[in-house]
Amino acid sequence: MAESALKQRITEAMKDAMRAKDKVRLGTIRLALAEIKKIEVDERIDPDDTRVTGILDKMIKQRRESVRQYEAGNRQDLADIETAEISVLQEFMPQALSADDLKAIISKALAESGATGIQDMGKVMAAVRPAVIGRADMAAVSQIIKQQLSGS
């Protein structure tokens, strides 16, 4: 099986971080590769770029939550470490969607799915998710869809 181009990019970045002796960057990249490897072993698959992006997106969300908790607990030192990891992981994410692009994707999904009310939220999210994974915050996407389905 061919290896994901994104995974290859991450592996090359790990080698560069090793050469540069950048411990924070190296540690974060190794964590990302470990998560990817875990999926490969557990599911016996070779993840494609979309799946790798999803893994990285999940890691970023976890770190954002940790930052909130550390800041609430007055542990700015730990929050700074998590923030540094987020910036390393975001280097491998696709470019974020603009608000207009996001609204266009959502509008297209609403039209194609024939959604008429909030009960159709799942159908619309399923249609939107592949186009926005890693490029937009899914919580924000969900809010926009809810607003449009409720007519607000």
N, C-alpha and C. Protein backbone atom coordinates (compact mmCIF):
# COMPACT_ATOMS: atom_id res chain seq x y z
N MET A 1 0.84 -1.20 0.00
CA MET A 1 0.00 0.00 0.00
C MET A 1 0.87 1.25 0.00
N ALA A 2 0.40 2.27 -0.66
CA ALA A 2 1.14 3.52 -0.72
C ALA A 2 0.91 4.30 0.58
N GLU A 3 1.98 4.92 1.02
CA GLU A 3 1.88 5.69 2.25
C GLU A 3 1.29 7.07 1.95
N SER A 4 0.51 7.58 2.87
CA SER A 4 -0.11 8.89 2.74
C SER A 4 0.96 9.96 2.53
N ALA A 5 0.69 10.88 1.60
CA ALA A 5 1.63 11.97 1.35
C ALA A 5 1.80 12.83 2.60
N LEU A 6 0.72 13.01 3.34
CA LEU A 6 0.79 13.81 4.57
C LEU A 6 1.65 13.11 5.61
N LYS A 7 1.50 11.81 5.72
CA LYS A 7 2.32 11.05 6.68
C LYS A 7 3.79 11.14 6.29
N GLN A 8 4.08 11.09 5.00
CA GLN A 8 5.46 11.23 4.54
C GLN A 8 6.02 12.60 4.91
N ARG A 9 5.17 13.63 4.75
CA ARG A 9 5.58 14.99 5.12
C ARG A 9 5.90 15.09 6.60
N ILE A 10 5.07 14.44 7.41
CA ILE A 10 5.29 14.46 8.87
C ILE A 10 6.58 13.72 9.21
N THR A 11 6.83 12.60 8.54
CA THR A 11 8.05 11.83 8.78
C THR A 11 9.28 12.65 8.41
N GLU A 12 9.22 13.36 7.29
CA GLU A 12 10.33 14.22 6.88
C GLU A 12 10.54 15.35 7.89
N ALA A 13 9.45 15.91 8.40
CA ALA A 13 9.55 16.97 9.41
C ALA A 13 10.20 16.43 10.68
N MET A 14 9.93 15.16 11.01
CA MET A 14 10.55 14.56 12.18
C MET A 14 12.07 14.48 11.98
N LYS A 15 12.47 14.07 10.80
CA LYS A 15 13.91 13.97 10.51
C LYS A 15 14.57 15.35 10.60
N ASP A 16 13.89 16.36 10.06
CA ASP A 16 14.42 17.73 10.13
C ASP A 16 14.53 18.21 11.57
N ALA A 17 13.52 17.88 12.39
CA ALA A 17 13.54 18.29 13.79
C ALA A 17 14.67 17.58 14.54
N MET A 18 14.94 16.33 14.17
CA MET A 18 16.06 15.60 14.78
C MET A 18 17.38 16.28 14.45
N ARG A 19 17.55 16.65 13.17
CA ARG A 19 18.78 17.30 12.74
C ARG A 19 18.95 18.65 13.43
N ALA A 20 17.83 19.36 13.61
CA ALA A 20 17.88 20.69 14.22
C ALA A 20 17.92 20.62 15.75
N LYS A 21 17.77 19.42 16.30
CA LYS A 21 17.74 19.21 17.75
C LYS A 21 16.65 20.04 18.42
N ASP A 22 15.51 20.13 17.74
CA ASP A 22 14.34 20.87 18.25
C ASP A 22 13.47 19.88 19.03
N LYS A 23 13.68 19.83 20.33
CA LYS A 23 13.04 18.80 21.16
C LYS A 23 11.52 18.93 21.21
N VAL A 24 11.00 20.14 21.31
CA VAL A 24 9.55 20.33 21.39
C VAL A 24 8.89 19.88 20.10
N ARG A 25 9.43 20.33 19.00
CA ARG A 25 8.89 19.96 17.68
C ARG A 25 9.00 18.45 17.46
N LEU A 26 10.15 17.90 17.78
CA LEU A 26 10.38 16.47 17.60
C LEU A 26 9.40 15.64 18.44
N GLY A 27 9.22 16.03 19.68
CA GLY A 27 8.30 15.31 20.56
C GLY A 27 6.88 15.33 20.05
N THR A 28 6.45 16.48 19.59
CA THR A 28 5.08 16.62 19.08
C THR A 28 4.89 15.79 17.81
N ILE A 29 5.86 15.84 16.92
CA ILE A 29 5.75 15.08 15.67
C ILE A 29 5.76 13.58 15.97
N ARG A 30 6.57 13.17 16.92
CA ARG A 30 6.59 11.75 17.29
C ARG A 30 5.24 11.31 17.86
N LEU A 31 4.61 12.19 18.65
CA LEU A 31 3.28 11.87 19.18
C LEU A 31 2.27 11.69 18.03
N ALA A 32 2.36 12.57 17.04
CA ALA A 32 1.45 12.48 15.89
C ALA A 32 1.68 11.18 15.13
N LEU A 33 2.93 10.84 14.90
CA LEU A 33 3.23 9.60 14.18
C LEU A 33 2.80 8.38 14.99
N ALA A 34 2.90 8.46 16.31
CA ALA A 34 2.46 7.36 17.17
C ALA A 34 0.95 7.16 17.05
N GLU A 35 0.20 8.26 17.00
CA GLU A 35 -1.26 8.17 16.83
C GLU A 35 -1.61 7.55 15.48
N ILE A 36 -0.90 7.96 14.45
CA ILE A 36 -1.14 7.41 13.12
C ILE A 36 -0.82 5.91 13.13
N LYS A 37 0.31 5.55 13.73
CA LYS A 37 0.71 4.14 13.80
C LYS A 37 -0.31 3.32 14.58
N LYS A 38 -0.87 3.91 15.62
CA LYS A 38 -1.89 3.22 16.43
C LYS A 38 -3.09 2.86 15.55
N ILE A 39 -3.52 3.79 14.72
CA ILE A 39 -4.64 3.54 13.81
C ILE A 39 -4.26 2.44 12.81
N GLU A 40 -3.04 2.51 12.30
CA GLU A 40 -2.59 1.50 11.34
C GLU A 40 -2.64 0.10 11.95
N VAL A 41 -2.18 -0.02 13.19
CA VAL A 41 -2.12 -1.32 13.85
C VAL A 41 -3.51 -1.78 14.29
N ASP A 42 -4.26 -0.89 14.94
CA ASP A 42 -5.57 -1.27 15.46
C ASP A 42 -6.55 -1.64 14.36
N GLU A 43 -6.56 -0.87 13.29
CA GLU A 43 -7.54 -1.08 12.24
C GLU A 43 -6.97 -1.82 11.03
N ARG A 44 -5.69 -2.12 11.07
CA ARG A 44 -5.01 -2.82 9.97
C ARG A 44 -5.25 -2.13 8.62
N ILE A 45 -5.07 -0.82 8.63
CA ILE A 45 -5.23 -0.04 7.40
C ILE A 45 -4.04 0.88 7.23
N ASP A 46 -3.90 1.41 6.04
CA ASP A 46 -2.91 2.45 5.77
C ASP A 46 -3.71 3.73 5.58
N PRO A 47 -3.79 4.60 6.60
CA PRO A 47 -4.68 5.76 6.50
C PRO A 47 -4.30 6.71 5.36
N ASP A 48 -5.33 7.23 4.70
CA ASP A 48 -5.11 8.21 3.63
C ASP A 48 -4.96 9.59 4.26
N ASP A 49 -4.73 10.60 3.40
CA ASP A 49 -4.52 11.96 3.90
C ASP A 49 -5.71 12.47 4.71
N THR A 50 -6.92 12.12 4.29
CA THR A 50 -8.11 12.58 5.01
C THR A 50 -8.12 12.02 6.43
N ARG A 51 -7.79 10.75 6.56
CA ARG A 51 -7.78 10.11 7.88
C ARG A 51 -6.67 10.70 8.75
N VAL A 52 -5.49 10.93 8.17
CA VAL A 52 -4.37 11.52 8.91
C VAL A 52 -4.75 12.92 9.38
N THR A 53 -5.42 13.67 8.51
CA THR A 53 -5.87 15.02 8.88
C THR A 53 -6.85 14.94 10.05
N GLY A 54 -7.74 13.96 10.01
CA GLY A 54 -8.68 13.75 11.11
C GLY A 54 -7.97 13.45 12.42
N ILE A 55 -6.92 12.64 12.35
CA ILE A 55 -6.14 12.30 13.55
C ILE A 55 -5.49 13.56 14.11
N LEU A 56 -4.88 14.35 13.23
CA LEU A 56 -4.22 15.58 13.68
C LEU A 56 -5.24 16.57 14.25
N ASP A 57 -6.41 16.65 13.61
CA ASP A 57 -7.47 17.53 14.09
C ASP A 57 -7.90 17.14 15.51
N LYS A 58 -8.03 15.86 15.75
CA LYS A 58 -8.40 15.36 17.07
C LYS A 58 -7.33 15.72 18.10
N MET A 59 -6.07 15.58 17.72
CA MET A 59 -4.98 15.92 18.63
C MET A 59 -5.00 17.41 18.98
N ILE A 60 -5.28 18.24 17.98
CA ILE A 60 -5.34 19.69 18.21
C ILE A 60 -6.48 20.02 19.16
N LYS A 61 -7.65 19.39 18.96
CA LYS A 61 -8.79 19.62 19.85
C LYS A 61 -8.45 19.24 21.29
N GLN A 62 -7.78 18.11 21.46
CA GLN A 62 -7.40 17.66 22.80
C GLN A 62 -6.48 18.68 23.46
N ARG A 63 -5.56 19.21 22.71
CA ARG A 63 -4.63 20.19 23.27
C ARG A 63 -5.32 21.52 23.58
N ARG A 64 -6.26 21.92 22.75
CA ARG A 64 -7.01 23.15 23.05
C ARG A 64 -7.78 23.01 24.36
N GLU A 65 -8.38 21.84 24.56
CA GLU A 65 -9.10 21.59 25.81
C GLU A 65 -8.14 21.61 26.99
N SER A 66 -6.96 21.03 26.82
CA SER A 66 -5.96 21.03 27.88
C SER A 66 -5.54 22.46 28.21
N VAL A 67 -5.36 23.28 27.18
CA VAL A 67 -4.98 24.69 27.41
C VAL A 67 -6.03 25.38 28.27
N ARG A 68 -7.32 25.16 27.93
CA ARG A 68 -8.40 25.78 28.72
C ARG A 68 -8.33 25.33 30.17
N GLN A 69 -8.12 24.03 30.37
CA GLN A 69 -8.08 23.51 31.74
C GLN A 69 -6.86 24.02 32.49
N TYR A 70 -5.70 24.07 31.84
CA TYR A 70 -4.49 24.56 32.50
C TYR A 70 -4.62 26.03 32.85
N GLU A 71 -5.20 26.81 31.94
CA GLU A 71 -5.37 28.24 32.23
C GLU A 71 -6.36 28.45 33.37
N ALA A 72 -7.40 27.63 33.41
CA ALA A 72 -8.36 27.72 34.52
C ALA A 72 -7.71 27.34 35.84
N GLY A 73 -6.73 26.47 35.78
CA GLY A 73 -6.03 26.03 36.99
C GLY A 73 -4.78 26.83 37.27
N ASN A 74 -4.60 27.96 36.61
CA ASN A 74 -3.44 28.83 36.80
C ASN A 74 -2.12 28.11 36.53
N ARG A 75 -2.08 27.29 35.51
CA ARG A 75 -0.85 26.58 35.12
C ARG A 75 -0.43 27.03 33.74
N GLN A 76 -0.04 28.30 33.63
CA GLN A 76 0.32 28.87 32.33
C GLN A 76 1.52 28.15 31.71
N ASP A 77 2.42 27.63 32.55
CA ASP A 77 3.58 26.92 32.03
C ASP A 77 3.15 25.70 31.21
N LEU A 78 2.19 24.95 31.71
CA LEU A 78 1.69 23.78 30.99
C LEU A 78 0.85 24.19 29.77
N ALA A 79 0.10 25.27 29.91
CA ALA A 79 -0.70 25.77 28.79
C ALA A 79 0.21 26.19 27.63
N ASP A 80 1.36 26.78 27.95
CA ASP A 80 2.31 27.20 26.92
C ASP A 80 2.87 26.01 26.15
N ILE A 81 3.12 24.90 26.85
CA ILE A 81 3.61 23.69 26.19
C ILE A 81 2.57 23.17 25.21
N GLU A 82 1.31 23.12 25.66
CA GLU A 82 0.24 22.63 24.79
C GLU A 82 0.05 23.56 23.59
N THR A 83 0.17 24.86 23.80
CA THR A 83 0.03 25.83 22.72
C THR A 83 1.13 25.64 21.68
N ALA A 84 2.35 25.37 22.15
CA ALA A 84 3.46 25.11 21.23
C ALA A 84 3.19 23.85 20.40
N GLU A 85 2.63 22.82 21.04
CA GLU A 85 2.30 21.60 20.31
C GLU A 85 1.22 21.85 19.27
N ILE A 86 0.23 22.68 19.62
CA ILE A 86 -0.83 23.01 18.66
C ILE A 86 -0.23 23.67 17.41
N SER A 87 0.70 24.60 17.61
CA SER A 87 1.27 25.30 16.46
C SER A 87 2.06 24.34 15.57
N VAL A 88 2.74 23.34 16.16
CA VAL A 88 3.46 22.36 15.36
C VAL A 88 2.47 21.51 14.57
N LEU A 89 1.42 21.04 15.22
CA LEU A 89 0.44 20.18 14.54
C LEU A 89 -0.29 20.93 13.42
N GLN A 90 -0.57 22.22 13.64
CA GLN A 90 -1.30 22.99 12.64
C GLN A 90 -0.53 23.18 11.34
N GLU A 91 0.80 23.02 11.41
CA GLU A 91 1.60 23.14 10.19
C GLU A 91 1.21 22.08 9.16
N PHE A 92 0.68 20.96 9.63
CA PHE A 92 0.36 19.85 8.73
C PHE A 92 -1.11 19.83 8.32
N MET A 93 -1.88 20.76 8.83
CA MET A 93 -3.30 20.83 8.51
C MET A 93 -3.50 21.62 7.22
N PRO A 94 -4.57 21.29 6.47
CA PRO A 94 -4.86 22.08 5.27
C PRO A 94 -5.25 23.51 5.65
N GLN A 95 -5.17 24.38 4.67
CA GLN A 95 -5.51 25.79 4.92
C GLN A 95 -6.97 25.90 5.35
N ALA A 96 -7.21 26.73 6.35
CA ALA A 96 -8.55 26.90 6.88
C ALA A 96 -9.48 27.52 5.84
N LEU A 97 -10.74 27.15 5.91
CA LEU A 97 -11.75 27.69 5.00
C LEU A 97 -12.14 29.10 5.43
N SER A 98 -12.41 29.94 4.46
CA SER A 98 -12.92 31.27 4.78
C SER A 98 -14.40 31.12 5.16
N ALA A 99 -14.95 32.12 5.80
CA ALA A 99 -16.36 32.08 6.21
C ALA A 99 -17.27 31.91 4.99
N ASP A 100 -16.95 32.59 3.89
CA ASP A 100 -17.77 32.49 2.68
C ASP A 100 -17.71 31.08 2.09
N ASP A 101 -16.51 30.49 2.05
CA ASP A 101 -16.37 29.13 1.52
C ASP A 101 -17.14 28.14 2.38
N LEU A 102 -17.06 28.31 3.68
CA LEU A 102 -17.76 27.42 4.61
C LEU A 102 -19.27 27.51 4.41
N LYS A 103 -19.77 28.74 4.29
CA LYS A 103 -21.21 28.92 4.08
C LYS A 103 -21.66 28.31 2.76
N ALA A 104 -20.81 28.41 1.72
CA ALA A 104 -21.14 27.83 0.42
C ALA A 104 -21.22 26.31 0.51
N ILE A 105 -20.28 25.70 1.22
CA ILE A 105 -20.29 24.24 1.38
C ILE A 105 -21.54 23.80 2.14
N ILE A 106 -21.87 24.54 3.20
CA ILE A 106 -23.05 24.20 4.00
C ILE A 106 -24.32 24.37 3.18
N SER A 107 -24.42 25.46 2.43
CA SER A 107 -25.61 25.70 1.60
C SER A 107 -25.79 24.60 0.56
N LYS A 108 -24.68 24.19 -0.05
CA LYS A 108 -24.73 23.12 -1.04
C LYS A 108 -25.21 21.81 -0.38
N ALA A 109 -24.69 21.51 0.80
CA ALA A 109 -25.08 20.29 1.51
C ALA A 109 -26.55 20.34 1.91
N LEU A 110 -27.03 21.51 2.32
CA LEU A 110 -28.44 21.66 2.68
C LEU A 110 -29.32 21.39 1.47
N ALA A 111 -28.93 21.93 0.33
CA ALA A 111 -29.72 21.74 -0.89
C ALA A 111 -29.70 20.28 -1.36
N GLU A 112 -28.53 19.67 -1.35
CA GLU A 112 -28.40 18.30 -1.84
C GLU A 112 -29.08 17.28 -0.93
N SER A 113 -29.06 17.54 0.38
CA SER A 113 -29.65 16.57 1.31
C SER A 113 -31.16 16.75 1.45
N GLY A 114 -31.67 17.87 0.98
CA GLY A 114 -33.10 18.14 1.10
C GLY A 114 -33.52 18.38 2.54
N ALA A 115 -32.60 18.84 3.37
CA ALA A 115 -32.89 19.06 4.79
C ALA A 115 -33.94 20.15 4.95
N THR A 116 -34.91 19.88 5.82
CA THR A 116 -35.98 20.85 6.05
C THR A 116 -36.04 21.32 7.49
N GLY A 117 -35.47 20.58 8.40
CA GLY A 117 -35.54 20.96 9.80
C GLY A 117 -34.37 20.41 10.59
N ILE A 118 -34.38 20.71 11.87
CA ILE A 118 -33.29 20.33 12.76
C ILE A 118 -33.13 18.81 12.83
N GLN A 119 -34.19 18.06 12.54
CA GLN A 119 -34.13 16.60 12.57
C GLN A 119 -33.21 16.06 11.46
N ASP A 120 -32.91 16.88 10.45
CA ASP A 120 -32.04 16.47 9.35
C ASP A 120 -30.57 16.86 9.58
N MET A 121 -30.27 17.29 10.79
CA MET A 121 -28.93 17.76 11.14
C MET A 121 -27.86 16.70 10.80
N GLY A 122 -28.12 15.45 11.13
CA GLY A 122 -27.15 14.38 10.89
C GLY A 122 -26.82 14.21 9.42
N LYS A 123 -27.84 14.28 8.57
CA LYS A 123 -27.63 14.14 7.13
C LYS A 123 -26.73 15.25 6.61
N VAL A 124 -27.01 16.46 7.07
CA VAL A 124 -26.25 17.62 6.60
C VAL A 124 -24.80 17.53 7.10
N MET A 125 -24.62 17.18 8.37
CA MET A 125 -23.27 17.06 8.93
C MET A 125 -22.48 15.99 8.18
N ALA A 126 -23.12 14.88 7.85
CA ALA A 126 -22.44 13.80 7.12
C ALA A 126 -21.99 14.28 5.74
N ALA A 127 -22.79 15.13 5.12
CA ALA A 127 -22.45 15.65 3.80
C ALA A 127 -21.34 16.70 3.88
N VAL A 128 -21.32 17.49 4.95
CA VAL A 128 -20.37 18.58 5.09
C VAL A 128 -19.00 18.09 5.60
N ARG A 129 -19.01 17.13 6.50
CA ARG A 129 -17.78 16.69 7.18
C ARG A 129 -16.60 16.40 6.24
N PRO A 130 -16.76 15.61 5.17
CA PRO A 130 -15.59 15.32 4.33
C PRO A 130 -14.96 16.57 3.71
N ALA A 131 -15.75 17.57 3.43
CA ALA A 131 -15.24 18.78 2.78
C ALA A 131 -14.55 19.73 3.75
N VAL A 132 -14.87 19.64 5.04
CA VAL A 132 -14.34 20.62 5.98
C VAL A 132 -13.42 20.04 7.04
N ILE A 133 -13.25 18.72 7.08
CA ILE A 133 -12.44 18.10 8.12
C ILE A 133 -11.04 18.70 8.15
N GLY A 134 -10.66 19.20 9.29
CA GLY A 134 -9.35 19.80 9.46
C GLY A 134 -9.22 21.21 8.92
N ARG A 135 -10.27 21.69 8.27
CA ARG A 135 -10.21 23.02 7.67
C ARG A 135 -11.15 24.00 8.36
N ALA A 136 -11.99 23.47 9.26
CA ALA A 136 -12.92 24.32 10.01
C ALA A 136 -13.25 23.61 11.32
N ASP A 137 -13.58 24.40 12.32
CA ASP A 137 -13.97 23.85 13.62
C ASP A 137 -15.36 23.24 13.47
N MET A 138 -15.46 21.94 13.75
CA MET A 138 -16.73 21.25 13.55
C MET A 138 -17.83 21.79 14.47
N ALA A 139 -17.47 22.30 15.64
CA ALA A 139 -18.48 22.89 16.53
C ALA A 139 -19.08 24.14 15.89
N ALA A 140 -18.24 24.94 15.26
CA ALA A 140 -18.73 26.14 14.58
C ALA A 140 -19.59 25.76 13.37
N VAL A 141 -19.17 24.73 12.65
CA VAL A 141 -19.93 24.24 11.50
C VAL A 141 -21.31 23.79 11.97
N SER A 142 -21.34 23.05 13.05
CA SER A 142 -22.60 22.57 13.61
C SER A 142 -23.53 23.73 13.97
N GLN A 143 -22.97 24.77 14.57
CA GLN A 143 -23.76 25.95 14.94
C GLN A 143 -24.37 26.62 13.71
N ILE A 144 -23.59 26.76 12.66
CA ILE A 144 -24.08 27.41 11.43
C ILE A 144 -25.21 26.58 10.83
N ILE A 145 -25.02 25.26 10.81
CA ILE A 145 -26.07 24.38 10.25
C ILE A 145 -27.33 24.47 11.09
N LYS A 146 -27.20 24.47 12.41
CA LYS A 146 -28.38 24.59 13.29
C LYS A 146 -29.12 25.88 13.02
N GLN A 147 -28.36 26.99 12.87
CA GLN A 147 -28.99 28.28 12.61
C GLN A 147 -29.76 28.25 11.29
N GLN A 148 -29.15 27.66 10.27
CA GLN A 148 -29.81 27.64 8.97
C GLN A 148 -31.02 26.72 8.97
N LEU A 149 -30.94 25.60 9.67
CA LEU A 149 -32.06 24.67 9.72
C LEU A 149 -33.23 25.20 10.56
N SER A 150 -32.89 26.02 11.57
CA SER A 150 -33.96 26.56 12.40
C SER A 150 -34.53 27.86 11.80
N GLY A 151 -33.89 28.33 10.74
CA GLY A 151 -34.41 29.53 10.06
C GLY A 151 -34.02 30.82 10.70
N SER A 152 -33.03 30.82 11.61
CA SER A 152 -32.61 32.05 12.30
C SER A 152 -31.68 32.85 11.44
